[in-house]
Protein backbone atom coordinates (compact mmCIF):
# COMPACT_ATOMS: atom_id res chain seq x y z
CA MET A 1 -85.96 153.13 27.16
CA ALA A 2 -84.76 153.03 30.74
CA PRO A 3 -85.85 155.78 33.12
CA GLY A 4 -83.41 158.70 33.36
CA THR A 5 -81.99 158.11 29.90
CA GLY A 6 -82.74 159.61 26.52
CA ARG A 7 -82.33 162.87 24.74
CA PHE A 8 -83.98 165.20 27.30
CA PRO A 9 -81.40 164.63 30.05
CA ARG A 10 -78.66 165.14 27.49
CA ARG A 11 -80.20 168.43 26.45
CA ARG A 12 -80.33 169.47 30.08
CA THR A 13 -76.66 168.60 30.52
CA LEU A 14 -75.69 170.55 27.40
CA ALA A 15 -77.69 173.57 28.61
CA LEU A 16 -75.99 173.50 31.98
CA SER A 17 -72.59 173.22 30.31
CA GLY A 18 -73.43 176.21 28.13
CA LEU A 19 -74.50 178.25 31.13
CA THR A 20 -71.29 177.33 32.95
CA LEU A 21 -69.12 178.32 29.99
CA GLY A 22 -71.07 181.57 29.63
CA ALA A 23 -70.56 182.37 33.30
CA ILE A 24 -66.85 181.65 33.02
CA ALA A 25 -66.59 183.89 29.97
CA ALA A 26 -68.49 186.67 31.73
CA LEU A 27 -66.29 186.33 34.79
CA ALA A 28 -63.17 186.47 32.64
CA GLY A 29 -64.48 189.57 30.90
CA TRP A 30 -65.27 191.25 34.21
CA TRP A 31 -61.82 190.37 35.55
CA ALA A 32 -60.13 191.82 32.46
CA TRP A 33 -62.25 194.98 32.81
CA GLU A 34 -61.34 195.37 36.49
CA ARG A 35 -57.66 194.69 35.84
CA ASP A 36 -57.66 197.40 33.17
CA ARG A 37 -59.46 199.97 35.33
CA PRO A 38 -56.27 201.71 36.64
CA ARG A 39 -54.97 202.18 33.09
CA ARG A 40 -58.27 203.70 31.97
CA ALA A 41 -58.37 206.01 35.01
CA PHE A 42 -54.78 207.08 34.35
CA GLU A 43 -55.51 207.85 30.70
CA ARG A 44 -58.62 209.85 31.62
CA ALA A 45 -56.65 211.77 34.25
CA GLU A 46 -53.83 212.64 31.87
CA SER A 47 -56.27 213.68 29.15
CA ALA A 48 -58.27 215.89 31.53
CA THR A 49 -55.07 217.42 32.91
CA ARG A 50 -53.87 218.33 29.43
CA ALA A 51 -57.26 219.90 28.75
CA ARG A 52 -57.14 221.71 32.12
CA ASP A 53 -60.49 220.14 32.96
CA TRP A 54 -59.64 220.14 36.64
CA PRO A 55 -62.82 218.60 38.08
CA SER A 56 -62.52 215.61 35.72
CA ALA A 57 -58.75 215.41 36.28
CA LEU A 58 -59.18 215.40 40.05
CA ALA A 59 -61.86 212.70 39.96
CA SER A 60 -59.72 210.51 37.71
CA TRP A 61 -56.49 210.99 39.68
CA ARG A 62 -58.32 210.15 42.90
CA SER A 63 -59.76 207.04 41.27
CA PHE A 64 -56.32 205.97 40.08
CA ASN A 65 -54.65 206.75 43.40
CA ARG A 66 -57.05 204.47 45.22
CA THR A 67 -55.45 201.55 43.39
CA GLU A 68 -52.16 199.80 44.08
CA ALA A 69 -50.76 201.43 40.94
CA ALA A 70 -50.59 204.85 42.66
CA THR A 71 -47.16 206.49 42.69
CA ALA A 72 -45.65 209.62 44.18
CA ARG A 73 -46.00 211.38 40.86
CA THR A 74 -49.67 210.51 40.40
CA LEU A 75 -50.33 211.74 43.95
CA LEU A 76 -48.50 214.96 43.06
CA ALA A 77 -50.73 215.25 39.98
CA GLU A 78 -53.77 214.83 42.24
CA ALA A 79 -52.47 217.57 44.52
CA ARG A 80 -51.99 219.92 41.56
CA ALA A 81 -55.57 219.32 40.45
CA ASP A 82 -56.69 220.02 44.02
CA LEU A 83 -54.78 223.30 44.02
CA ALA A 84 -56.20 224.29 40.64
CA LEU A 85 -59.61 223.98 42.31
CA ASP A 86 -58.39 225.78 45.49
CA ARG A 87 -58.81 222.65 47.62
CA ALA A 88 -55.60 223.22 49.53
CA ALA A 89 -56.34 220.91 52.46
CA ASP A 90 -56.91 217.98 50.10
CA ALA A 91 -53.72 218.90 48.26
CA ARG A 92 -51.71 218.83 51.48
CA ARG A 93 -53.03 215.36 52.30
CA ALA A 94 -52.15 214.07 48.83
CA LEU A 95 -48.67 215.60 49.10
CA GLU A 96 -48.04 213.93 52.45
CA ARG A 97 -48.87 210.58 50.86
CA ALA A 98 -46.61 211.44 47.94
CA SER A 99 -43.67 212.24 50.24
CA GLN A 100 -44.11 208.88 51.92
CA ALA A 101 -44.24 207.12 48.55
CA ASP A 102 -41.03 208.77 47.29
CA PRO A 103 -39.07 210.91 49.77
CA THR A 104 -36.44 211.64 47.11
CA ASP A 105 -38.76 213.71 44.89
CA ALA A 106 -37.87 217.37 45.40
CA GLU A 107 -40.92 218.78 43.63
CA ILE A 108 -43.24 217.19 46.19
CA TRP A 109 -41.35 218.70 49.14
CA ARG A 110 -41.10 222.04 47.39
CA THR A 111 -44.87 222.19 46.83
CA ARG A 112 -45.45 221.38 50.50
CA LEU A 113 -43.05 224.14 51.53
CA ASP A 114 -44.72 226.67 49.25
CA LEU A 115 -48.09 225.89 50.86
CA LEU A 116 -46.64 226.35 54.34
CA ARG A 117 -45.36 229.74 53.22
CA VAL A 118 -48.88 230.81 52.25
CA LEU A 119 -50.10 229.58 55.64
CA ASP A 120 -47.31 231.62 57.31
CA ARG A 121 -45.88 228.68 59.24
CA PRO A 122 -42.11 229.27 59.10
CA THR A 123 -41.34 227.02 62.06
CA GLU A 124 -42.88 224.01 60.36
CA ALA A 125 -41.39 224.98 56.99
CA LEU A 126 -37.86 225.14 58.37
CA THR A 127 -38.24 221.76 60.07
CA LEU A 128 -39.78 220.19 56.96
CA GLY A 129 -37.20 221.69 54.62
CA LEU A 130 -34.22 220.47 56.62
CA ARG A 131 -35.78 217.00 56.74
CA ALA A 132 -36.37 217.07 53.00
CA LEU A 133 -32.73 217.96 52.31
CA GLU A 134 -31.67 214.68 53.90
CA ALA A 135 -33.89 212.70 51.52
CA VAL A 136 -33.98 214.36 48.09
CA ARG A 137 -31.78 213.46 45.16
CA PRO A 138 -28.77 215.78 44.67
CA GLU A 139 -30.24 217.46 41.60
CA GLY A 140 -33.29 218.51 43.65
CA ARG A 141 -31.48 220.06 46.59
CA ARG A 142 -31.38 223.61 45.26
CA ALA A 143 -35.14 223.66 44.66
CA VAL A 144 -35.79 222.50 48.22
CA LEU A 145 -33.23 224.90 49.63
CA ALA A 146 -34.79 227.82 47.75
CA SER A 147 -38.29 227.07 49.02
CA THR A 148 -37.03 226.43 52.57
CA THR A 149 -35.13 229.72 52.63
CA LEU A 150 -38.11 231.70 51.41
CA ALA A 151 -40.58 230.00 53.74
CA ALA A 152 -38.30 230.56 56.74
CA LEU A 153 -37.27 234.15 56.03
CA ALA A 154 -39.54 235.95 53.56
CA GLU A 155 -43.25 236.67 53.86
CA LEU A 156 -45.49 236.86 50.80
CA PRO A 157 -47.39 240.11 50.14
CA ASP A 158 -50.39 240.46 52.40
CA ASP A 159 -52.94 241.02 49.62
CA GLU A 160 -51.70 238.00 47.68
CA VAL A 161 -51.96 235.73 50.71
CA ARG A 162 -55.38 237.01 51.72
CA THR A 163 -56.69 236.40 48.21
CA ARG A 164 -55.42 232.83 48.15
CA LEU A 165 -56.70 232.04 51.63
CA ASP A 166 -60.11 233.46 50.78
CA ARG A 167 -60.29 231.23 47.70
CA TRP A 168 -59.25 228.17 49.70
CA ILE A 169 -61.87 228.83 52.37
CA ALA A 170 -64.59 229.46 49.78
CA ALA A 171 -63.77 226.17 48.05
CA ASP A 172 -63.50 224.24 51.33
CA PRO A 173 -65.00 225.86 54.45
CA ASP A 174 -63.65 222.93 56.49
CA ASP A 175 -60.02 223.86 55.70
CA LEU A 176 -58.98 224.63 59.29
CA ASP A 177 -55.43 225.53 58.28
CA ALA A 178 -56.62 228.25 55.88
CA ARG A 179 -59.17 229.60 58.35
CA THR A 180 -56.52 229.77 61.08
CA ALA A 181 -54.01 231.50 58.81
CA ARG A 182 -56.64 234.04 57.73
CA LEU A 183 -57.50 234.97 61.32
CA ALA A 184 -53.84 235.13 62.36
CA ARG A 185 -53.02 237.38 59.40
CA ILE A 186 -55.86 239.73 60.29
CA ALA A 187 -54.45 240.03 63.83
CA ALA A 188 -50.99 240.86 62.51
CA ASN A 189 -52.17 243.31 59.83
CA PRO A 190 -55.82 244.35 60.28
CA HIS A 191 -57.73 246.01 57.45
CA PRO A 192 -60.92 248.06 57.69
CA GLY A 193 -63.90 245.72 57.88
CA ASP A 194 -61.91 242.77 59.26
CA PRO A 195 -63.37 240.80 62.19
CA ASP A 196 -62.55 242.40 65.53
CA ARG A 197 -60.53 240.69 68.25
CA ALA A 198 -63.55 239.17 69.97
CA ASP A 199 -64.72 237.61 66.71
CA ARG A 200 -61.21 236.35 65.95
CA ILE A 201 -60.97 234.75 69.39
CA SER A 202 -64.37 233.13 68.88
CA GLY A 203 -63.36 231.83 65.45
CA LEU A 204 -60.04 230.41 66.66
CA ALA A 205 -61.72 228.81 69.68
CA ALA A 206 -64.20 227.10 67.35
CA ILE A 207 -61.35 225.75 65.21
CA LEU A 208 -59.53 224.45 68.28
CA GLU A 209 -62.70 222.84 69.58
CA ALA A 210 -63.13 221.06 66.24
CA ASP A 211 -59.49 219.93 66.29
CA PRO A 212 -57.77 220.14 69.70
CA GLY A 213 -54.51 219.03 68.10
CA HIS A 214 -54.39 221.99 65.71
CA ILE A 215 -51.20 223.67 66.92
CA ALA A 216 -51.36 226.71 64.65
CA ALA A 217 -54.85 227.51 65.92
CA ARG A 218 -53.75 227.04 69.53
CA GLU A 219 -50.80 229.38 68.99
CA ALA A 220 -52.92 232.04 67.27
CA LEU A 221 -55.58 231.85 69.98
CA LEU A 222 -52.99 232.22 72.74
CA VAL A 223 -51.56 235.32 71.06
CA ALA A 224 -55.04 236.79 70.70
CA LEU A 225 -55.86 236.10 74.36
CA ALA A 226 -52.62 237.69 75.49
CA ASP A 227 -53.37 240.79 73.41
CA ALA A 228 -56.90 240.85 74.86
CA GLY A 229 -55.62 240.73 78.44
CA GLU A 230 -57.00 237.26 79.21
CA PRO A 231 -53.93 235.48 80.62
CA ASP A 232 -55.85 233.01 82.78
CA ARG A 233 -57.82 231.62 79.87
CA GLY A 234 -54.61 231.53 77.85
CA ARG A 235 -52.70 229.75 80.62
CA ALA A 236 -55.19 226.87 80.52
CA LEU A 237 -54.67 226.51 76.77
CA LEU A 238 -50.91 226.66 77.19
CA GLU A 239 -50.87 223.98 79.85
CA ALA A 240 -53.07 221.78 77.64
CA TRP A 241 -50.64 222.08 74.70
CA PRO A 242 -50.01 218.47 73.50
CA GLU A 243 -46.68 217.24 74.84
CA PRO A 244 -45.36 215.76 71.55
CA ALA A 245 -45.94 219.09 69.76
CA ARG A 246 -44.15 221.37 72.23
CA ASP A 247 -41.71 222.99 69.82
CA ALA A 248 -40.37 226.54 69.61
CA ARG A 249 -43.89 227.92 69.24
CA PHE A 250 -44.80 226.54 72.66
CA ASP A 251 -41.54 227.70 74.26
CA ARG A 252 -41.81 231.31 73.18
CA LEU A 253 -45.40 231.50 74.44
CA ARG A 254 -44.34 229.75 77.65
CA GLY A 255 -41.69 232.42 78.03
CA ARG A 256 -44.24 235.19 77.48
CA TRP A 257 -46.56 233.84 80.17
CA ASP A 258 -43.70 233.19 82.61
CA LEU A 259 -42.37 236.71 82.13
CA ASP A 260 -45.45 238.89 81.76
CA TYR A 261 -48.07 237.12 83.85
CA ASP A 262 -46.42 234.70 86.27
CA HIS A 263 -43.44 236.96 87.09
CA ARG A 264 -40.88 234.17 86.74
CA PRO A 265 -38.07 235.62 84.63
CA ASP A 266 -35.87 232.65 85.46
CA ARG A 267 -38.29 230.24 83.83
CA ALA A 268 -38.94 232.71 81.02
CA ALA A 269 -35.23 232.90 80.20
CA GLU A 270 -35.06 229.11 79.99
CA ALA A 271 -38.13 228.93 77.74
CA TYR A 272 -36.88 231.61 75.35
CA ALA A 273 -33.46 229.95 75.20
CA ARG A 274 -35.12 226.66 74.20
CA ALA A 275 -37.10 228.41 71.47
CA LEU A 276 -33.95 229.98 70.08
CA VAL A 277 -32.24 226.61 69.66
CA GLU A 278 -34.86 225.82 67.03
CA LEU A 279 -35.45 229.36 65.76
CA PRO A 280 -32.22 231.33 66.22
CA HIS A 281 -33.45 234.02 63.81
CA ASP A 282 -36.63 234.82 65.78
CA TRP A 283 -35.95 238.36 66.97
CA LYS A 284 -39.08 238.36 69.15
CA SER A 285 -37.71 235.48 71.22
CA HIS A 286 -34.37 237.29 71.53
CA TYR A 287 -36.29 240.36 72.72
CA GLY A 288 -38.16 238.30 75.30
CA LEU A 289 -34.90 236.76 76.47
CA ALA A 290 -33.32 240.22 76.79
CA ARG A 291 -36.20 241.35 79.00
CA ALA A 292 -35.98 238.22 81.16
CA LEU A 293 -32.21 238.60 81.59
CA ARG A 294 -32.60 242.24 82.53
CA ALA A 295 -35.18 241.30 85.18
CA LEU A 296 -32.67 238.77 86.55
CA GLY A 297 -29.99 241.46 86.82
CA ARG A 298 -27.86 239.88 84.07
CA ASP A 299 -27.37 243.20 82.34
CA ALA A 300 -24.39 242.34 80.12
CA GLU A 301 -26.20 239.31 78.65
CA ALA A 302 -29.35 241.37 78.25
CA ARG A 303 -27.42 243.98 76.25
CA ASP A 304 -26.01 241.25 74.00
CA GLU A 305 -29.51 239.99 73.31
CA ALA A 306 -30.75 243.51 72.61
CA ASP A 307 -27.89 243.95 70.12
CA THR A 308 -28.94 240.66 68.48
CA VAL A 309 -32.50 241.95 68.17
CA ALA A 310 -31.30 245.07 66.37
CA ARG A 311 -29.02 243.08 64.07
CA LEU A 312 -31.71 240.56 63.14
CA ARG A 313 -34.33 243.21 62.47
CA GLU A 314 -31.93 244.98 60.16
CA ARG A 315 -30.95 241.82 58.28
CA LEU A 316 -34.52 240.56 57.99
CA ASP A 317 -35.98 243.89 56.90
CA PRO A 318 -38.12 243.00 53.85
CA ALA A 319 -36.95 246.13 52.04
CA THR A 320 -33.38 244.79 51.86
CA LEU A 321 -33.92 241.05 52.31
CA GLY A 322 -36.40 240.67 49.45
CA PRO A 323 -34.21 242.05 46.64
CA ARG A 324 -31.18 240.14 47.94
CA LEU A 325 -33.07 236.84 47.99
CA ALA A 326 -34.53 237.47 44.54
CA ALA A 327 -31.15 238.26 43.01
CA ASP A 328 -29.47 235.22 44.55
CA LEU A 329 -32.25 232.75 43.77
CA HIS A 330 -32.57 233.89 40.17
CA GLY A 331 -28.81 233.61 39.68
CA LEU A 332 -28.11 230.21 41.18
CA ASP A 333 -25.93 229.22 38.22
CA ASP A 334 -23.36 231.68 39.61
CA PRO A 335 -21.47 230.07 42.55
CA ARG A 336 -21.47 233.44 44.30
CA SER A 337 -25.25 233.24 44.77
CA PRO A 338 -25.28 230.09 46.94
CA LEU A 339 -22.38 231.54 48.92
CA ASP A 340 -24.28 234.78 49.51
CA LEU A 341 -27.33 232.79 50.62
CA ALA A 342 -25.08 230.87 52.98
CA ALA A 343 -23.78 234.14 54.40
CA LEU A 344 -27.32 235.43 54.80
CA ALA A 345 -28.43 232.29 56.66
CA GLU A 346 -25.29 232.32 58.82
CA GLY A 347 -25.86 235.97 59.65
CA VAL A 348 -29.25 235.23 61.21
CA GLY A 349 -28.11 232.09 63.02
CA LEU A 350 -29.43 229.40 60.68
CA ALA A 351 -26.25 227.32 60.64
CA ARG A 352 -27.68 224.16 59.04
CA LEU A 353 -29.26 226.13 56.23
CA ALA A 354 -26.00 228.02 55.71
CA GLU A 355 -23.98 224.82 55.51
CA ALA A 356 -26.40 223.36 52.97
CA TRP A 357 -25.98 226.42 50.73
CA ARG A 358 -22.19 226.23 51.05
CA ARG A 359 -22.30 222.63 49.84
CA GLU A 360 -24.39 223.72 46.87
CA ALA A 361 -21.80 226.32 45.90
CA VAL A 362 -19.36 223.54 44.99
CA ALA A 363 -21.89 220.94 43.81
CA PRO A 364 -22.41 220.16 40.10
CA LEU A 365 -25.03 222.41 38.56
CA PRO A 366 -28.42 220.92 37.70
CA SER A 367 -29.52 221.12 34.07
CA ARG A 368 -31.35 224.39 34.78
CA ASN A 369 -32.03 226.85 37.55
CA PRO A 370 -34.77 225.09 39.56
CA PHE A 371 -36.21 228.35 40.79
CA PRO A 372 -38.61 230.21 38.43
CA VAL A 373 -37.74 233.79 37.69
CA ASP A 374 -41.25 235.02 38.55
CA ARG A 375 -41.45 233.21 41.89
């Protein structure tokens, strides 16, 4: 028998062929397993959500949403699991991704607006809501309009907000938005045992140091410094306000510094006027403008602004505004309700919001009132 021939080389060849086929089969099995992973994660997420097993639901939705199969609705489901576990910052990030995935989905925008309302950020809510109205499907407009109107005009009860913010902070101490909102709320409505002004300033400064681009923290810290009589420290923060984020919040604080500390009523009047383009219903900016105009000797204009302050405070008084909003929003099937909401928005200067409600008064009704009765 010639060298290199015989049965042993053939056995070796057959063994190698078997190993190759086994490897191919294993690779095919692994590929099928990997390809099926999103479906399995989705099924686990849905099952856990139905069982209200929120830790398992969140883990599964996050796993699914890391795949290419993620959709706006699965990101919304992730956000809802986050909120069930009081992880509001994570929920906001998931909702932002969801809005990008499907800007037409009203429920995503509405959830974002409701979170901004808890954080007491009406400026951002009004901007976000008007942007959402340009994107959502017609049947979702009323839901977005309702949440925008509430976030812009109506505050939630203090105890309810404090409770939610405390839960969010306990679940996620790194939630800078919740920590900022908590400190700002204490400043506006202090309770016995709350941190004093020095502690609030220290807490807000720490948040701003951790995130210099956090506009809500910068605004709250500036207000606290003004109340503490530290205008020089506040001026440095104001001048360092990021240029792309200089909205009405910056302008009304710019007006306060120009008027009260730098004695430039001319510049203050310009700053307050800019703020009122964006926030025509902000009676505090109207009050600042009235003071600036009076200092400039423009008494007739100052009186007009003072009259506007009185009118806005009357129309935005929670004792009358709350019941009116509740009645209108719970009766949206009646065309008179959108028209009354339009009149309310028009009466405080929110022309775009008023026009949107007027359009809804003549639009076809959705299948049901999108606004829950117990909202």
